[in-house]
Every structure is written in C-alpha cells, then in structure tokens.
Amino acid sequence: MSGKEKPHSAEYFGEARDFWWNADFMALMAGRWQLSRARSILDAGCGIGHWGRSLSPFLSPDAALTGVDREPAWVEKAAAIAQDKGLARFRYLRGDANALPFDDAQFDLVTCQTLLIHVPDPRATLREFMRVLKPGGLMVLSEPNNLAGSLVRDSSNFDGDIGALTDAVRLQALCERGKAALGRGNNSVGDLLPGLLHGTGLEDIQAYLSDKATLTLPHQSTPGQAAALAETGDWLARDIWCWEKAETESYFRAGGGDPAEFAKLWDNVMDRQRASFRAAKEERLSAVAAGLQYLISGRKPAA
C-alpha cells in the first residue's frame, strides 16, 4: 500500500458501524445457530473486528476467535481493541480470505460480514471457507443487497421527483455492475448466497434478515442516530456517496453507463443526501434508514 492509498473499507469502519445490530436479535440468531457449541471461530475479512465483537457475548467462555484480514492496519487495530476490551481469546492475523493460512478442517464456525461484496469470485472464497471448516461445522455469512437502500426515502424527499429516485437506483445498479466487472466484488451479492452455498456443498441452508433500522426523528438524539449523522456529514464534506466521486465514475463507466450522463446523476444523489442531512441538522427530518442485510448459513456435511 502506498502512502497515498487508504486501507480498504476505511469509510465504513467508523463509530456508526457499532450500531449495525440489535443485541436481542443477535441473541436470537445465536440460539438458532447454536453458537455456544463452537470452540474455534474464524472471522474472515475481519476489518477491525466489529463482527467478531458482535458475536462475542454469545460464544462459549472457552471459545477462541481468529480474525484474518489482508490489511495490516486493520489487523493491528482489531488486536488493540480486543486487548482493550479484555477479549484475550481473540487473535488477529494478516491473511487472504482466498488463501487462508490454516490447515484443512480447523474451525467449528467460519463467518464473515461484508467481505464477499469485495471479492472477485465469491465461489472461490466459499470453497476456501469450506476447506478450513470442520465436518459438521457452521458457515455464517452476513452480506447485503445494497441496491435496495437506494429506494428508501425520508421526509425530505418522499414527495420529490420520481425521476430523481429512479436515477439514483439506476446509478447505483450500474455502479454495482461495473464494480463487479472490474473484479472488485458486487455490492448486492447477498441475493446470490443461498445458491452459492448450495453449490459449495453445504446443507441445512437458512436465510434471515437483520431487523435493524436507524430511526431519525426531530428533537430526538440517540447514540446510533448521532453516529450516523456524523458519518453522513463527514462523507458530504469529502464528496463521498457510496464511494468517492472518481471511484464511482470508474464503476459507472465499467457498468455500461453513459459518461456524458454521469455528472447529472452524481449531482442528483449528492443533492438528495445534502437535503436529508440539512433537514436532520435543522431537526425537521424523519427517516427510517434500513436495507437488506442477509444472514445466510449452512453446515458442512458431517461425513
């Protein structure tokens, strides 16, 4: 990594990510997955460890979690946070999710959160997960359909121009297609995961949706709402939508978008984002920010 390059996913590892999950929903899923039975857990593409820490209250006291990420800065930060939170059973290593540094059949649970939206070939990644998973072990994938979020409106734009709404959807759909065409992963790969798990040979495949929504109301402030607002303000100040402008344009072109149209579509989504942010700062916004965050799981055959 050069001095000018940012670590991957840097825009998405802020405080707002600490509020992605409702604790009671995670407790429900832990029971469905029987997480307390797992003694060895792999968190692939762990970033700074958000997902592993979300699971930690539901793991057995003698369970050990290993996080792997290709970015040294994230590995170092994840280890520091784990130490600060007293998670001595958590360790973090640098490694590639497509070539994991482990022997076959090492883990009771292999899991990831928003990793597969970044890999060029999710089938290959899942085969590598399958390799290090023990027979009878569980694979859990937390991946989204991000395109659905482009249809969510709020009080600042609910009665706005339908063309602006459909333009926002089209921009994101073309960018997602282009990102995949460039080998950077598809941001809505969650839609495909049940079939991919079935093709990998997993059994007892199950699919659920997160119940999390970020509520915004006038004259109401919660830690999650404040973190989301701060994140939006930071992105607007640096001209970021889902991605920075130059990156967005590269995806748009690769997805078959008309280069002459990009500026109009970009201004549209940024204007919508600024209007929502301005309404929130003026305490006149009501919104329910939500998306499709899937939880897809399956078990490796015991025999």
Protein backbone atom coordinates (compact mmCIF):
# COMPACT_ATOMS: atom_id res chain seq x y z
CA MET A 1 0.00 0.00 0.00
CA SER A 2 1.42 3.40 -0.96
CA GLY A 3 1.39 6.34 1.41
CA LYS A 4 -1.49 7.90 -0.52
CA GLU A 5 -3.75 4.87 -0.53
CA LYS A 6 -6.30 4.28 2.19
CA PRO A 7 -6.85 0.84 3.72
CA HIS A 8 -9.81 -0.97 2.21
CA SER A 9 -13.26 -0.11 3.62
CA ALA A 10 -11.84 2.86 5.55
CA GLU A 11 -15.07 4.84 5.09
CA TYR A 12 -17.13 2.09 6.72
CA PHE A 13 -15.19 1.42 9.92
CA GLY A 14 -16.34 4.44 11.89
CA GLU A 15 -18.46 4.66 15.03
CA ALA A 16 -21.72 4.15 13.09
CA ARG A 17 -20.74 0.52 12.46
CA ASP A 18 -21.01 -0.18 16.19
CA PHE A 19 -24.78 0.22 15.81
CA TRP A 20 -25.37 -2.20 12.94
CA TRP A 21 -27.06 -4.89 15.05
CA ASN A 22 -29.72 -5.08 17.75
CA ALA A 23 -28.41 -7.09 20.71
CA ASP A 24 -31.65 -9.03 21.25
CA PHE A 25 -31.72 -10.00 17.57
CA MET A 26 -28.14 -11.25 17.81
CA ALA A 27 -29.12 -13.30 20.86
CA LEU A 28 -31.96 -14.83 18.82
CA MET A 29 -29.62 -15.71 15.96
CA ALA A 30 -27.01 -17.10 18.34
CA GLY A 31 -29.63 -19.52 19.62
CA ARG A 32 -30.69 -20.53 16.12
CA TRP A 33 -27.07 -21.13 15.12
CA GLN A 34 -26.17 -22.78 18.44
CA LEU A 35 -23.12 -20.54 18.65
CA SER A 36 -22.31 -21.68 22.18
CA ARG A 37 -21.21 -25.04 20.73
CA ALA A 38 -18.45 -23.51 18.64
CA ARG A 39 -14.98 -23.62 20.18
CA SER A 40 -12.93 -22.41 17.20
CA ILE A 41 -14.18 -19.47 15.13
CA LEU A 42 -12.72 -17.82 12.03
CA ASP A 43 -13.79 -14.25 11.21
CA ALA A 44 -12.60 -13.83 7.62
CA GLY A 45 -12.02 -10.33 6.27
CA CYS A 46 -12.44 -9.14 9.83
CA GLY A 47 -11.52 -5.48 9.36
CA ILE A 48 -11.11 -4.00 12.83
CA GLY A 49 -13.18 -6.77 14.41
CA HIS A 50 -16.72 -5.37 14.55
CA TRP A 51 -18.43 -8.63 13.58
CA GLY A 52 -16.46 -10.84 15.96
CA ARG A 53 -17.20 -8.46 18.82
CA SER A 54 -20.91 -8.57 17.94
CA LEU A 55 -20.79 -12.35 18.31
CA SER A 56 -18.58 -12.42 21.41
CA PRO A 57 -21.33 -12.22 24.10
CA PHE A 58 -22.87 -15.42 22.73
CA LEU A 59 -19.72 -17.55 22.46
CA SER A 60 -18.66 -20.16 24.96
CA PRO A 61 -16.16 -18.86 27.57
CA ASP A 62 -13.57 -21.29 26.21
CA ALA A 63 -14.14 -20.43 22.55
CA ALA A 64 -11.25 -18.87 20.60
CA LEU A 65 -11.78 -16.48 17.69
CA THR A 66 -9.23 -15.85 14.96
CA GLY A 67 -9.69 -12.85 12.71
CA VAL A 68 -7.95 -12.61 9.34
CA ASP A 69 -7.63 -9.54 7.14
CA ARG A 70 -5.26 -8.61 4.32
CA GLU A 71 -4.78 -5.06 5.64
CA PRO A 72 -2.07 -4.78 8.33
CA ALA A 73 -3.55 -1.56 9.74
CA TRP A 74 -6.86 -3.28 10.44
CA VAL A 75 -5.22 -6.34 12.00
CA GLU A 76 -3.24 -4.11 14.34
CA LYS A 77 -6.28 -2.05 15.29
CA ALA A 78 -8.52 -5.10 15.81
CA ALA A 79 -5.94 -6.64 18.14
CA ALA A 80 -5.64 -3.39 20.11
CA ILE A 81 -9.41 -3.08 20.54
CA ALA A 82 -9.67 -6.73 21.63
CA GLN A 83 -6.98 -6.20 24.22
CA ASP A 84 -8.68 -3.03 25.46
CA LYS A 85 -11.99 -4.90 25.83
CA GLY A 86 -10.44 -7.86 27.61
CA LEU A 87 -11.01 -10.31 24.77
CA ALA A 88 -7.90 -12.37 25.38
CA ARG A 89 -9.35 -15.31 23.41
CA PHE A 90 -9.41 -13.19 20.23
CA ARG A 91 -6.35 -13.02 17.96
CA TYR A 92 -5.89 -11.30 14.62
CA LEU A 93 -3.62 -12.25 11.72
CA ARG A 94 -2.79 -10.85 8.33
CA GLY A 95 -4.02 -13.14 5.57
CA ASP A 96 -6.01 -13.53 2.38
CA ALA A 97 -9.55 -14.92 2.61
CA ASN A 98 -8.92 -16.72 -0.70
CA ALA A 99 -5.77 -18.44 0.58
CA LEU A 100 -6.27 -18.85 4.31
CA PRO A 101 -3.13 -19.67 6.32
CA PHE A 102 -4.68 -22.72 8.00
CA ASP A 103 -4.77 -26.48 7.51
CA ASP A 104 -7.96 -28.21 6.43
CA ALA A 105 -10.85 -28.67 8.88
CA GLN A 106 -9.65 -26.28 11.59
CA PHE A 107 -12.78 -24.35 12.63
CA ASP A 108 -16.23 -25.09 14.07
CA LEU A 109 -17.51 -21.78 12.67
CA VAL A 110 -16.35 -19.80 9.65
CA THR A 111 -18.03 -16.44 9.26
CA CYS A 112 -17.71 -13.04 7.59
CA GLN A 113 -19.50 -9.70 7.45
CA THR A 114 -19.49 -7.65 4.23
CA LEU A 115 -16.43 -9.43 2.88
CA LEU A 116 -17.95 -11.14 -0.14
CA ILE A 117 -19.14 -7.82 -1.61
CA HIS A 118 -15.43 -7.10 -2.20
CA VAL A 119 -14.14 -10.37 -3.68
CA PRO A 120 -13.97 -11.02 -7.45
CA ASP A 121 -15.07 -14.65 -7.20
CA PRO A 122 -17.27 -15.44 -4.17
CA ARG A 123 -17.46 -19.10 -5.20
CA ALA A 124 -13.70 -19.44 -4.80
CA THR A 125 -13.82 -17.71 -1.42
CA LEU A 126 -16.59 -20.01 -0.22
CA ARG A 127 -14.63 -23.06 -1.32
CA GLU A 128 -11.72 -21.82 0.79
CA PHE A 129 -14.08 -21.34 3.75
CA MET A 130 -15.34 -24.87 3.18
CA ARG A 131 -11.79 -26.21 3.22
CA VAL A 132 -10.95 -24.88 6.69
CA LEU A 133 -14.38 -25.71 8.14
CA LYS A 134 -14.66 -28.89 10.17
CA PRO A 135 -17.13 -31.57 9.10
CA GLY A 136 -20.42 -30.68 10.74
CA GLY A 137 -19.22 -27.09 11.17
CA LEU A 138 -21.28 -23.97 10.51
CA MET A 139 -20.70 -21.23 7.93
CA VAL A 140 -22.43 -17.88 8.57
CA LEU A 141 -22.35 -15.05 6.02
CA SER A 142 -23.60 -11.53 6.71
CA GLU A 143 -23.86 -9.84 3.32
CA PRO A 144 -26.29 -7.29 1.85
CA ASN A 145 -28.34 -6.30 -1.10
CA ASN A 146 -27.12 -2.70 -1.06
CA LEU A 147 -29.14 -1.69 -4.10
CA ALA A 148 -32.38 -1.88 -2.09
CA GLY A 149 -31.24 1.03 0.06
CA SER A 150 -31.38 3.40 -2.91
CA LEU A 151 -35.18 3.09 -2.82
CA VAL A 152 -35.51 4.18 0.82
CA ARG A 153 -36.88 7.73 1.11
CA ASP A 154 -37.30 10.15 4.00
CA SER A 155 -39.38 13.21 4.83
CA SER A 156 -37.07 15.48 2.82
CA ASN A 157 -37.58 13.68 -0.48
CA PHE A 158 -40.65 11.44 -0.13
CA ASP A 159 -42.76 13.62 -2.43
CA GLY A 160 -39.87 14.54 -4.70
CA ASP A 161 -39.42 13.88 -8.40
CA ILE A 162 -39.81 10.20 -9.27
CA GLY A 163 -37.19 10.65 -11.97
CA ALA A 164 -34.61 11.61 -9.34
CA LEU A 165 -35.45 8.45 -7.39
CA THR A 166 -35.17 6.15 -10.40
CA ASP A 167 -31.96 7.91 -11.49
CA ALA A 168 -30.45 7.14 -8.09
CA VAL A 169 -31.40 3.48 -8.42
CA ARG A 170 -30.01 3.31 -11.96
CA LEU A 171 -26.74 4.96 -10.94
CA GLN A 172 -26.21 2.51 -8.13
CA ALA A 173 -27.21 -0.52 -10.22
CA LEU A 174 -24.78 0.44 -12.99
CA CYS A 175 -22.02 1.11 -10.48
CA GLU A 176 -22.56 -2.26 -8.79
CA ARG A 177 -22.40 -3.99 -12.17
CA GLY A 178 -19.25 -2.07 -13.07
CA LYS A 179 -17.57 -2.79 -9.74
CA ALA A 180 -18.14 -6.49 -10.34
CA ALA A 181 -16.87 -6.22 -13.93
CA LEU A 182 -13.64 -4.68 -12.62
CA GLY A 183 -13.13 -7.61 -10.25
CA ARG A 184 -13.89 -5.57 -7.12
CA GLY A 185 -16.95 -7.55 -5.99
CA ASN A 186 -20.70 -6.98 -6.22
CA ASN A 187 -22.34 -4.87 -3.51
CA SER A 188 -25.57 -6.88 -3.66
CA VAL A 189 -24.04 -10.36 -3.69
CA GLY A 190 -26.19 -11.31 -0.70
CA ASP A 191 -29.01 -12.14 -3.13
CA LEU A 192 -26.94 -14.98 -4.57
CA LEU A 193 -25.59 -16.59 -1.42
CA PRO A 194 -28.16 -19.35 -0.80
CA GLY A 195 -27.47 -20.76 -4.25
CA LEU A 196 -23.72 -20.36 -3.87
CA LEU A 197 -23.74 -22.17 -0.53
CA HIS A 198 -25.81 -24.96 -2.02
CA GLY A 199 -23.34 -25.24 -4.89
CA THR A 200 -20.45 -25.40 -2.43
CA GLY A 201 -21.97 -28.50 -0.84
CA LEU A 202 -23.36 -27.08 2.38
CA GLU A 203 -26.52 -28.49 3.94
CA ASP A 204 -29.30 -27.07 6.13
CA ILE A 205 -29.09 -23.70 4.39
CA GLN A 206 -31.04 -20.96 6.16
CA ALA A 207 -31.66 -17.29 5.37
CA TYR A 208 -32.67 -14.42 7.66
CA LEU A 209 -32.75 -10.62 7.56
CA SER A 210 -31.38 -8.21 10.13
CA ASP A 211 -34.14 -6.35 11.95
CA LYS A 212 -32.04 -3.21 12.35
CA ALA A 213 -33.31 0.19 11.22
CA THR A 214 -31.82 3.57 12.17
CA LEU A 215 -34.64 5.85 13.26
CA THR A 216 -34.34 9.62 12.91
CA LEU A 217 -36.94 11.94 14.44
CA PRO A 218 -36.91 15.70 15.09
CA HIS A 219 -35.64 16.70 18.53
CA GLN A 220 -34.55 13.16 19.33
CA SER A 221 -30.95 12.04 19.66
CA THR A 222 -29.67 8.53 20.28
CA PRO A 223 -26.05 7.38 20.08
CA GLY A 224 -26.76 5.46 16.88
CA GLN A 225 -28.54 8.39 15.27
CA ALA A 226 -25.74 10.77 16.25
CA ALA A 227 -23.09 8.43 14.84
CA ALA A 228 -24.97 8.04 11.55
CA LEU A 229 -25.41 11.81 11.23
CA ALA A 230 -21.73 12.44 11.94
CA GLU A 231 -20.76 9.86 9.32
CA THR A 232 -23.01 11.46 6.71
CA GLY A 233 -21.61 14.91 7.45
CA ASP A 234 -18.05 13.62 7.11
CA TRP A 235 -18.84 11.98 3.77
CA LEU A 236 -20.52 15.09 2.40
CA ALA A 237 -17.58 17.24 3.43
CA ARG A 238 -15.29 14.95 1.43
CA ASP A 239 -17.66 14.47 -1.54
CA ILE A 240 -18.40 10.81 -0.85
CA TRP A 241 -21.60 8.98 -1.76
CA CYS A 242 -21.31 5.18 -1.55
CA TRP A 243 -17.80 5.71 -2.92
CA GLU A 244 -15.66 8.73 -3.73
CA LYS A 245 -16.59 10.52 -6.96
CA ALA A 246 -13.70 9.26 -9.13
CA GLU A 247 -14.22 5.68 -7.97
CA THR A 248 -17.96 5.96 -8.59
CA GLU A 249 -17.38 7.21 -12.12
CA SER A 250 -15.00 4.35 -12.88
CA TYR A 251 -17.64 1.83 -11.76
CA PHE A 252 -20.36 3.66 -13.69
CA ARG A 253 -18.38 3.52 -16.93
CA ALA A 254 -17.41 -0.12 -16.42
CA GLY A 255 -21.07 -0.96 -15.84
CA GLY A 256 -22.08 0.47 -19.20
CA GLY A 257 -23.18 3.93 -18.08
CA ASP A 258 -23.07 6.86 -20.49
CA PRO A 259 -20.07 9.04 -19.48
CA ALA A 260 -21.94 12.17 -20.61
CA GLU A 261 -24.68 11.45 -18.07
CA PHE A 262 -22.52 10.80 -15.03
CA ALA A 263 -22.26 14.39 -13.76
CA LYS A 264 -26.06 14.79 -13.71
CA LEU A 265 -26.60 11.52 -11.87
CA TRP A 266 -23.84 12.28 -9.36
CA ASP A 267 -25.23 15.74 -8.61
CA ASN A 268 -28.67 14.19 -8.14
CA VAL A 269 -27.63 11.69 -5.45
CA MET A 270 -25.42 14.19 -3.67
CA ASP A 271 -28.19 16.82 -3.67
CA ARG A 272 -30.58 14.29 -2.14
CA GLN A 273 -28.01 13.39 0.51
CA ARG A 274 -27.32 17.06 1.32
CA ALA A 275 -31.04 17.82 1.64
CA SER A 276 -31.54 14.96 4.08
CA PHE A 277 -28.50 15.98 6.11
CA ARG A 278 -29.62 19.62 6.22
CA ALA A 279 -33.09 18.60 7.40
CA ALA A 280 -31.57 16.44 10.12
CA LYS A 281 -29.31 19.23 11.34
CA GLU A 282 -32.32 21.58 11.43
CA GLU A 283 -34.26 18.94 13.43
CA ARG A 284 -37.03 18.52 10.89
CA LEU A 285 -36.13 15.13 9.40
CA SER A 286 -37.98 11.90 9.96
CA ALA A 287 -36.37 8.83 8.42
CA VAL A 288 -36.01 5.10 8.75
CA ALA A 289 -32.66 4.14 7.28
CA ALA A 290 -32.74 0.44 6.51
CA GLY A 291 -31.54 -2.05 3.95
CA LEU A 292 -31.42 -5.75 3.19
CA GLN A 293 -28.67 -7.26 5.34
CA TYR A 294 -28.89 -11.02 4.98
CA LEU A 295 -27.68 -13.70 7.36
CA ILE A 296 -27.14 -16.85 5.31
CA SER A 297 -25.89 -20.03 6.94
CA GLY A 298 -25.24 -23.67 6.16
CA ARG A 299 -23.46 -26.70 7.60
CA LYS A 300 -20.70 -28.79 6.16
CA PRO A 301 -21.76 -32.42 5.86
CA ALA A 302 -20.52 -34.43 8.84
CA ALA A 303 -19.47 -37.43 6.80
